[in-house]
């Protein structure tokens, strides 16, 4: 009972922190309602952990999808298959993916395509190549993009 209460408390804190980060991203990059809605769907503040799949796994898979679709840098990134979901040993990869999403938004990427610009408007071409093996679409040095 005590452990469950502690887990609920930590989940509420993580949810509030995620919501705050989302609002800061929206304000900083002046995201319209549609882009913010889509970002919120991928980087969800709704935390409901299950035995086999927790919030980290869900958000990680969603951010991988986002980085490989509407926020991809080029057609090569768009064509790679996503890795299978697994329980992470730590949150380092998730932090890198969040940073990559923020960096691509900072470089002008948008999640929802502007109908005036066509389907090719979303990919970000200004990013630097990945420093790792490229399998997860995450930059090792996110500071180099700003």
N, C-alpha and C. Protein backbone atom coordinates (compact mmCIF):
# COMPACT_ATOMS: atom_id res chain seq x y z
N UNK A 1 0.82 -1.19 0.00
CA UNK A 1 0.00 0.00 0.00
C UNK A 1 0.88 1.26 0.00
N UNK A 2 1.88 1.26 0.84
CA UNK A 2 2.77 2.41 0.93
C UNK A 2 3.56 2.61 -0.36
N UNK A 3 4.00 1.49 -0.94
CA UNK A 3 4.75 1.54 -2.20
C UNK A 3 3.88 2.04 -3.33
N UNK A 4 2.63 1.59 -3.38
CA UNK A 4 1.71 2.04 -4.42
C UNK A 4 1.44 3.54 -4.31
N UNK A 5 1.31 4.02 -3.11
CA UNK A 5 1.09 5.45 -2.89
C UNK A 5 2.32 6.25 -3.33
N UNK A 6 3.50 5.74 -3.01
CA UNK A 6 4.73 6.41 -3.43
C UNK A 6 4.85 6.42 -4.96
N UNK A 7 4.47 5.31 -5.61
CA UNK A 7 4.51 5.24 -7.07
C UNK A 7 3.53 6.23 -7.69
N UNK A 8 2.34 6.35 -7.13
CA UNK A 8 1.36 7.33 -7.63
C UNK A 8 1.87 8.75 -7.48
N UNK A 9 2.52 9.04 -6.35
CA UNK A 9 3.06 10.37 -6.12
C UNK A 9 4.16 10.70 -7.12
N UNK A 10 5.07 9.76 -7.34
CA UNK A 10 6.15 9.98 -8.30
C UNK A 10 5.58 10.11 -9.71
N UNK A 11 4.57 9.33 -10.05
CA UNK A 11 3.93 9.42 -11.36
C UNK A 11 3.28 10.78 -11.57
N UNK A 12 2.65 11.31 -10.53
CA UNK A 12 2.04 12.65 -10.62
C UNK A 12 3.11 13.71 -10.82
N UNK A 13 4.22 13.59 -10.13
CA UNK A 13 5.31 14.56 -10.29
C UNK A 13 5.90 14.48 -11.70
N UNK A 14 6.10 13.27 -12.21
CA UNK A 14 6.64 13.10 -13.57
C UNK A 14 5.65 13.65 -14.60
N UNK A 15 4.38 13.43 -14.38
CA UNK A 15 3.36 13.94 -15.29
C UNK A 15 3.35 15.47 -15.30
N UNK A 16 3.43 16.07 -14.14
CA UNK A 16 3.46 17.53 -14.05
C UNK A 16 4.71 18.11 -14.69
N UNK A 17 5.85 17.46 -14.49
CA UNK A 17 7.09 17.93 -15.09
C UNK A 17 7.03 17.81 -16.61
N UNK A 18 6.47 16.72 -17.11
CA UNK A 18 6.33 16.54 -18.56
C UNK A 18 5.41 17.60 -19.15
N UNK A 19 4.32 17.88 -18.47
CA UNK A 19 3.39 18.92 -18.94
C UNK A 19 4.08 20.28 -18.99
N UNK A 20 4.89 20.58 -17.98
CA UNK A 20 5.63 21.84 -17.95
C UNK A 20 6.62 21.92 -19.11
N UNK A 21 7.35 20.83 -19.37
CA UNK A 21 8.29 20.81 -20.49
C UNK A 21 7.55 21.02 -21.81
N UNK A 22 6.41 20.37 -21.97
CA UNK A 22 5.62 20.55 -23.19
C UNK A 22 5.19 22.01 -23.38
N UNK A 23 4.75 22.64 -22.30
CA UNK A 23 4.33 24.04 -22.40
C UNK A 23 5.50 24.96 -22.70
N UNK A 24 6.66 24.66 -22.13
CA UNK A 24 7.86 25.45 -22.44
C UNK A 24 8.26 25.30 -23.91
N UNK A 25 8.18 24.07 -24.42
CA UNK A 25 8.49 23.83 -25.84
C UNK A 25 7.51 24.60 -26.72
N UNK A 26 6.24 24.53 -26.36
CA UNK A 26 5.22 25.23 -27.16
C UNK A 26 5.49 26.74 -27.20
N UNK A 27 5.81 27.31 -26.05
CA UNK A 27 6.08 28.74 -25.97
C UNK A 27 7.36 29.11 -26.69
N UNK A 28 8.41 28.36 -26.48
CA UNK A 28 9.72 28.68 -27.06
C UNK A 28 9.70 28.61 -28.58
N UNK A 29 9.02 27.60 -29.14
CA UNK A 29 9.04 27.40 -30.59
C UNK A 29 7.75 27.85 -31.27
N UNK A 30 6.90 28.52 -30.51
CA UNK A 30 5.65 29.08 -31.03
C UNK A 30 4.86 28.06 -31.84
N UNK A 31 4.64 26.89 -31.24
CA UNK A 31 3.91 25.83 -31.91
C UNK A 31 2.43 26.18 -31.98
N UNK A 32 1.82 25.94 -33.12
CA UNK A 32 0.38 26.16 -33.23
C UNK A 32 -0.35 25.01 -32.54
N UNK A 33 -1.67 25.09 -32.50
CA UNK A 33 -2.46 24.08 -31.78
C UNK A 33 -2.25 22.67 -32.31
N UNK A 34 -2.21 22.52 -33.63
CA UNK A 34 -2.06 21.19 -34.23
C UNK A 34 -0.69 20.59 -33.94
N UNK A 35 0.37 21.37 -34.08
CA UNK A 35 1.72 20.86 -33.77
C UNK A 35 1.84 20.52 -32.30
N UNK A 36 1.26 21.35 -31.42
CA UNK A 36 1.33 21.06 -29.99
C UNK A 36 0.54 19.81 -29.65
N UNK A 37 -0.62 19.65 -30.27
CA UNK A 37 -1.45 18.46 -30.03
C UNK A 37 -0.68 17.20 -30.43
N UNK A 38 -0.03 17.23 -31.59
CA UNK A 38 0.73 16.07 -32.05
C UNK A 38 1.95 15.80 -31.17
N UNK A 39 2.64 16.86 -30.75
CA UNK A 39 3.77 16.68 -29.85
C UNK A 39 3.31 16.06 -28.53
N UNK A 40 2.20 16.54 -28.02
CA UNK A 40 1.66 16.03 -26.76
C UNK A 40 1.24 14.56 -26.87
N UNK A 41 0.78 14.16 -28.05
CA UNK A 41 0.44 12.75 -28.26
C UNK A 41 1.68 11.86 -28.24
N UNK A 42 2.79 12.38 -28.75
CA UNK A 42 4.02 11.59 -28.79
C UNK A 42 4.79 11.65 -27.47
N UNK A 43 4.80 12.79 -26.84
CA UNK A 43 5.53 12.99 -25.57
C UNK A 43 4.47 13.18 -24.49
N UNK A 44 3.77 12.12 -24.20
CA UNK A 44 2.57 12.16 -23.38
C UNK A 44 2.85 12.40 -21.90
N UNK A 45 2.11 13.33 -21.29
CA UNK A 45 2.23 13.52 -19.85
C UNK A 45 1.35 12.54 -19.06
N UNK A 46 0.58 11.73 -19.76
CA UNK A 46 -0.30 10.76 -19.10
C UNK A 46 0.50 9.51 -18.78
N UNK A 47 0.72 9.29 -17.50
CA UNK A 47 1.58 8.18 -17.07
C UNK A 47 0.72 7.08 -16.47
N UNK A 48 0.74 5.93 -17.13
CA UNK A 48 0.07 4.75 -16.59
C UNK A 48 0.98 3.56 -16.88
N UNK A 49 1.72 3.15 -15.88
CA UNK A 49 2.66 2.05 -16.05
C UNK A 49 1.93 0.72 -15.98
N UNK A 50 2.34 -0.19 -16.84
CA UNK A 50 1.85 -1.56 -16.81
C UNK A 50 3.04 -2.45 -16.48
N UNK A 51 2.76 -3.70 -16.26
CA UNK A 51 3.82 -4.62 -15.87
C UNK A 51 4.85 -4.78 -16.99
N UNK A 52 4.38 -4.91 -18.22
CA UNK A 52 5.30 -5.17 -19.33
C UNK A 52 5.69 -3.93 -20.14
N UNK A 53 5.00 -2.82 -19.94
CA UNK A 53 5.30 -1.63 -20.72
C UNK A 53 4.99 -0.39 -19.88
N UNK A 54 6.02 0.40 -19.64
CA UNK A 54 5.86 1.59 -18.83
C UNK A 54 5.83 2.85 -19.68
N UNK A 55 5.75 3.99 -19.02
CA UNK A 55 5.70 5.29 -19.69
C UNK A 55 6.96 5.51 -20.52
N UNK A 56 8.11 5.15 -19.98
CA UNK A 56 9.37 5.36 -20.70
C UNK A 56 9.38 4.63 -22.04
N UNK A 57 8.94 3.37 -22.05
CA UNK A 57 8.93 2.60 -23.28
C UNK A 57 7.95 3.19 -24.29
N UNK A 58 6.79 3.61 -23.82
CA UNK A 58 5.78 4.19 -24.72
C UNK A 58 6.27 5.50 -25.33
N UNK A 59 6.80 6.39 -24.50
CA UNK A 59 7.28 7.68 -25.00
C UNK A 59 8.50 7.48 -25.90
N UNK A 60 9.38 6.58 -25.52
CA UNK A 60 10.56 6.31 -26.33
C UNK A 60 10.16 5.84 -27.73
N UNK A 61 9.25 4.89 -27.82
CA UNK A 61 8.79 4.40 -29.12
C UNK A 61 8.09 5.51 -29.91
N UNK A 62 7.31 6.33 -29.24
CA UNK A 62 6.62 7.43 -29.92
C UNK A 62 7.60 8.46 -30.44
N UNK A 63 8.63 8.79 -29.66
CA UNK A 63 9.61 9.77 -30.11
C UNK A 63 10.46 9.22 -31.25
N UNK A 64 10.78 7.93 -31.22
CA UNK A 64 11.48 7.31 -32.35
C UNK A 64 10.64 7.47 -33.61
N UNK A 65 9.36 7.19 -33.49
CA UNK A 65 8.46 7.34 -34.65
C UNK A 65 8.44 8.79 -35.14
N UNK A 66 8.35 9.72 -34.22
CA UNK A 66 8.32 11.14 -34.58
C UNK A 66 9.61 11.56 -35.28
N UNK A 67 10.75 11.11 -34.75
CA UNK A 67 12.04 11.46 -35.35
C UNK A 67 12.24 10.82 -36.72
N UNK A 68 11.56 9.73 -36.97
CA UNK A 68 11.73 9.04 -38.25
C UNK A 68 10.62 9.36 -39.25
N UNK A 69 9.66 10.15 -38.88
CA UNK A 69 8.59 10.51 -39.81
C UNK A 69 8.60 12.01 -40.04
N UNK A 70 7.81 12.74 -39.31
CA UNK A 70 7.65 14.17 -39.60
C UNK A 70 8.86 15.01 -39.21
N UNK A 71 9.71 14.56 -38.30
CA UNK A 71 10.90 15.32 -37.93
C UNK A 71 12.19 14.70 -38.48
N UNK A 72 12.06 13.82 -39.48
CA UNK A 72 13.27 13.21 -40.03
C UNK A 72 14.06 14.24 -40.83
N UNK A 73 15.34 14.01 -40.94
CA UNK A 73 16.22 14.94 -41.65
C UNK A 73 16.19 14.73 -43.15
N UNK A 74 16.07 13.46 -43.56
CA UNK A 74 16.10 13.16 -44.99
C UNK A 74 15.36 11.86 -45.24
N UNK A 75 15.25 11.48 -46.50
CA UNK A 75 14.51 10.28 -46.88
C UNK A 75 15.16 9.02 -46.33
N UNK A 76 16.48 9.01 -46.16
CA UNK A 76 17.17 7.84 -45.62
C UNK A 76 16.70 7.54 -44.20
N UNK A 77 16.58 8.58 -43.38
CA UNK A 77 16.10 8.39 -42.01
C UNK A 77 14.67 7.87 -41.99
N UNK A 78 13.88 8.29 -42.95
CA UNK A 78 12.47 7.92 -43.01
C UNK A 78 12.30 6.45 -43.34
N UNK A 79 13.26 5.85 -44.00
CA UNK A 79 13.09 4.48 -44.48
C UNK A 79 13.55 3.42 -43.48
N UNK A 80 14.20 3.78 -42.39
CA UNK A 80 14.70 2.78 -41.45
C UNK A 80 13.57 2.21 -40.61
N UNK A 81 13.71 0.95 -40.27
CA UNK A 81 12.71 0.28 -39.44
C UNK A 81 12.97 0.58 -37.97
N UNK A 82 11.90 0.73 -37.19
CA UNK A 82 12.09 0.99 -35.76
C UNK A 82 12.59 -0.26 -35.04
N UNK A 83 13.39 -0.06 -34.00
CA UNK A 83 13.86 -1.21 -33.23
C UNK A 83 12.73 -1.78 -32.38
N UNK A 84 12.82 -3.04 -31.99
CA UNK A 84 11.78 -3.60 -31.13
C UNK A 84 11.78 -2.93 -29.75
N UNK A 85 10.61 -2.84 -29.15
CA UNK A 85 10.52 -2.22 -27.83
C UNK A 85 11.12 -3.17 -26.78
N UNK A 86 11.86 -2.59 -25.85
CA UNK A 86 12.43 -3.37 -24.75
C UNK A 86 12.53 -2.47 -23.53
N UNK A 87 12.64 -3.10 -22.39
CA UNK A 87 12.76 -2.36 -21.15
C UNK A 87 14.15 -1.71 -21.12
N UNK A 88 14.19 -0.37 -20.98
CA UNK A 88 15.50 0.31 -20.98
C UNK A 88 16.25 0.07 -19.68
N UNK A 89 17.58 0.02 -19.79
CA UNK A 89 18.39 -0.14 -18.58
C UNK A 89 18.51 1.18 -17.83
N UNK A 90 18.43 2.29 -18.56
CA UNK A 90 18.44 3.61 -17.94
C UNK A 90 17.67 4.58 -18.85
N UNK A 91 17.61 5.82 -18.48
CA UNK A 91 16.84 6.79 -19.25
C UNK A 91 17.69 7.63 -20.18
N UNK A 92 18.94 7.25 -20.39
CA UNK A 92 19.85 8.03 -21.23
C UNK A 92 19.34 8.16 -22.67
N UNK A 93 18.91 7.06 -23.27
CA UNK A 93 18.40 7.11 -24.65
C UNK A 93 17.15 7.97 -24.74
N UNK A 94 16.26 7.87 -23.76
CA UNK A 94 15.05 8.68 -23.76
C UNK A 94 15.40 10.17 -23.68
N UNK A 95 16.35 10.51 -22.83
CA UNK A 95 16.78 11.90 -22.72
C UNK A 95 17.36 12.40 -24.05
N UNK A 96 18.14 11.55 -24.73
CA UNK A 96 18.72 11.93 -26.01
C UNK A 96 17.63 12.13 -27.06
N UNK A 97 16.62 11.29 -27.04
CA UNK A 97 15.53 11.44 -28.02
C UNK A 97 14.72 12.70 -27.77
N UNK A 98 14.47 13.00 -26.51
CA UNK A 98 13.76 14.25 -26.19
C UNK A 98 14.59 15.44 -26.67
N UNK A 99 15.89 15.39 -26.42
CA UNK A 99 16.78 16.47 -26.87
C UNK A 99 16.78 16.59 -28.38
N UNK A 100 16.78 15.46 -29.08
CA UNK A 100 16.75 15.49 -30.55
C UNK A 100 15.47 16.11 -31.08
N UNK A 101 14.35 15.79 -30.46
CA UNK A 101 13.08 16.38 -30.89
C UNK A 101 13.12 17.89 -30.68
N UNK A 102 13.59 18.33 -29.53
CA UNK A 102 13.67 19.76 -29.25
C UNK A 102 14.63 20.44 -30.23
N UNK A 103 15.77 19.82 -30.51
CA UNK A 103 16.73 20.39 -31.45
C UNK A 103 16.13 20.52 -32.85
N UNK A 104 15.40 19.53 -33.28
CA UNK A 104 14.81 19.60 -34.63
C UNK A 104 13.70 20.64 -34.69
N UNK A 105 12.97 20.81 -33.60
CA UNK A 105 11.99 21.90 -33.56
C UNK A 105 12.71 23.25 -33.58
N UNK A 106 13.85 23.34 -32.91
CA UNK A 106 14.63 24.57 -32.89
C UNK A 106 15.17 24.90 -34.28
N UNK A 107 15.44 23.87 -35.08
CA UNK A 107 15.94 24.08 -36.44
C UNK A 107 14.82 24.32 -37.44
N UNK A 108 13.61 24.50 -36.96
CA UNK A 108 12.50 24.84 -37.85
C UNK A 108 11.61 23.69 -38.23
N UNK A 109 11.88 22.48 -37.75
CA UNK A 109 11.03 21.35 -38.06
C UNK A 109 9.67 21.50 -37.39
N UNK A 110 8.66 20.99 -38.05
CA UNK A 110 7.32 20.98 -37.50
C UNK A 110 6.74 19.59 -37.68
N UNK A 111 5.86 19.22 -36.76
CA UNK A 111 5.28 17.89 -36.77
C UNK A 111 4.17 17.80 -37.80
N UNK A 112 3.29 18.79 -37.80
CA UNK A 112 2.20 18.84 -38.76
C UNK A 112 2.67 19.66 -39.96
N UNK A 113 2.45 19.12 -41.14
CA UNK A 113 2.85 19.83 -42.36
C UNK A 113 1.92 21.00 -42.60
N UNK A 114 2.48 22.09 -43.04
CA UNK A 114 1.71 23.26 -43.44
C UNK A 114 1.14 22.97 -44.82
N UNK A 115 -0.19 23.05 -45.00
CA UNK A 115 -0.77 22.72 -46.29
C UNK A 115 -0.26 23.61 -47.43
N UNK A 116 0.19 24.82 -47.12
CA UNK A 116 0.70 25.72 -48.14
C UNK A 116 2.06 25.29 -48.65
N UNK A 117 2.82 24.53 -47.83
CA UNK A 117 4.18 24.16 -48.19
C UNK A 117 4.28 22.75 -48.75
N UNK A 118 3.26 21.95 -48.65
CA UNK A 118 3.29 20.59 -49.18
C UNK A 118 3.84 19.60 -48.17
N UNK A 119 3.99 18.35 -48.61
CA UNK A 119 4.42 17.28 -47.72
C UNK A 119 5.90 17.32 -47.38
N UNK A 120 6.72 18.00 -48.17
CA UNK A 120 8.15 18.02 -47.93
C UNK A 120 8.58 19.08 -46.93
N UNK A 121 7.65 19.76 -46.28
CA UNK A 121 8.00 20.86 -45.39
C UNK A 121 8.54 20.40 -44.05
N UNK A 122 8.17 19.22 -43.59
CA UNK A 122 8.51 18.80 -42.24
C UNK A 122 9.97 18.39 -42.03
N UNK A 123 10.61 17.65 -42.96
CA UNK A 123 11.98 17.21 -42.67
C UNK A 123 12.93 18.37 -42.43
N UNK A 124 13.82 18.17 -41.47
CA UNK A 124 14.80 19.19 -41.12
C UNK A 124 16.10 18.83 -41.81
N UNK A 125 16.63 19.69 -42.63
CA UNK A 125 17.84 19.42 -43.38
C UNK A 125 19.08 20.02 -42.73
N UNK A 126 18.94 20.88 -41.72
CA UNK A 126 20.08 21.60 -41.15
C UNK A 126 20.84 20.82 -40.10
N UNK A 127 20.34 19.65 -39.69
CA UNK A 127 20.96 18.91 -38.59
C UNK A 127 22.29 18.31 -38.99
N UNK A 128 23.09 18.00 -37.99
CA UNK A 128 24.38 17.35 -38.20
C UNK A 128 24.16 15.86 -38.24
N UNK A 129 25.04 15.10 -38.85
CA UNK A 129 24.88 13.65 -38.87
C UNK A 129 24.99 13.07 -37.46
N UNK A 130 24.34 11.92 -37.29
CA UNK A 130 24.40 11.25 -35.99
C UNK A 130 25.82 10.81 -35.70
N UNK A 131 26.22 10.90 -34.43
CA UNK A 131 27.54 10.46 -34.02
C UNK A 131 27.55 8.97 -33.67
N UNK A 132 26.36 8.41 -33.39
CA UNK A 132 26.31 6.99 -33.05
C UNK A 132 26.06 6.19 -34.32
N UNK A 133 25.57 4.96 -34.18
CA UNK A 133 25.42 4.09 -35.34
C UNK A 133 24.23 4.47 -36.21
N UNK A 134 23.42 5.45 -35.79
CA UNK A 134 22.31 5.93 -36.59
C UNK A 134 21.07 5.08 -36.47
N UNK A 135 21.12 4.02 -35.67
CA UNK A 135 19.99 3.12 -35.59
C UNK A 135 18.81 3.70 -34.85
N UNK A 136 19.04 4.67 -33.99
CA UNK A 136 17.92 5.20 -33.22
C UNK A 136 17.58 6.64 -33.56
N UNK A 137 18.26 7.26 -34.48
CA UNK A 137 17.93 8.62 -34.90
C UNK A 137 18.24 9.67 -33.86
N UNK A 138 19.21 9.39 -32.97
CA UNK A 138 19.51 10.30 -31.87
C UNK A 138 20.93 10.81 -32.00
N UNK A 139 21.11 12.07 -31.77
CA UNK A 139 22.44 12.67 -31.82
C UNK A 139 23.17 12.42 -30.51
N UNK A 140 24.45 12.10 -30.62
CA UNK A 140 25.27 11.96 -29.41
C UNK A 140 25.57 13.33 -28.83
N UNK A 141 25.77 14.35 -29.70
CA UNK A 141 26.11 15.68 -29.26
C UNK A 141 25.01 16.66 -29.68
N UNK A 142 23.94 16.74 -28.90
CA UNK A 142 22.84 17.62 -29.29
C UNK A 142 23.21 19.09 -29.22
N UNK A 143 24.25 19.45 -28.48
CA UNK A 143 24.65 20.84 -28.37
C UNK A 143 25.20 21.38 -29.68
N UNK A 144 25.74 20.51 -30.51
CA UNK A 144 26.33 20.94 -31.76
C UNK A 144 25.32 21.43 -32.76
N UNK A 145 24.03 21.18 -32.54
CA UNK A 145 23.00 21.58 -33.49
C UNK A 145 22.48 22.98 -33.23
N UNK A 146 22.77 23.55 -32.10
CA UNK A 146 22.19 24.85 -31.78
C UNK A 146 23.07 25.97 -32.15
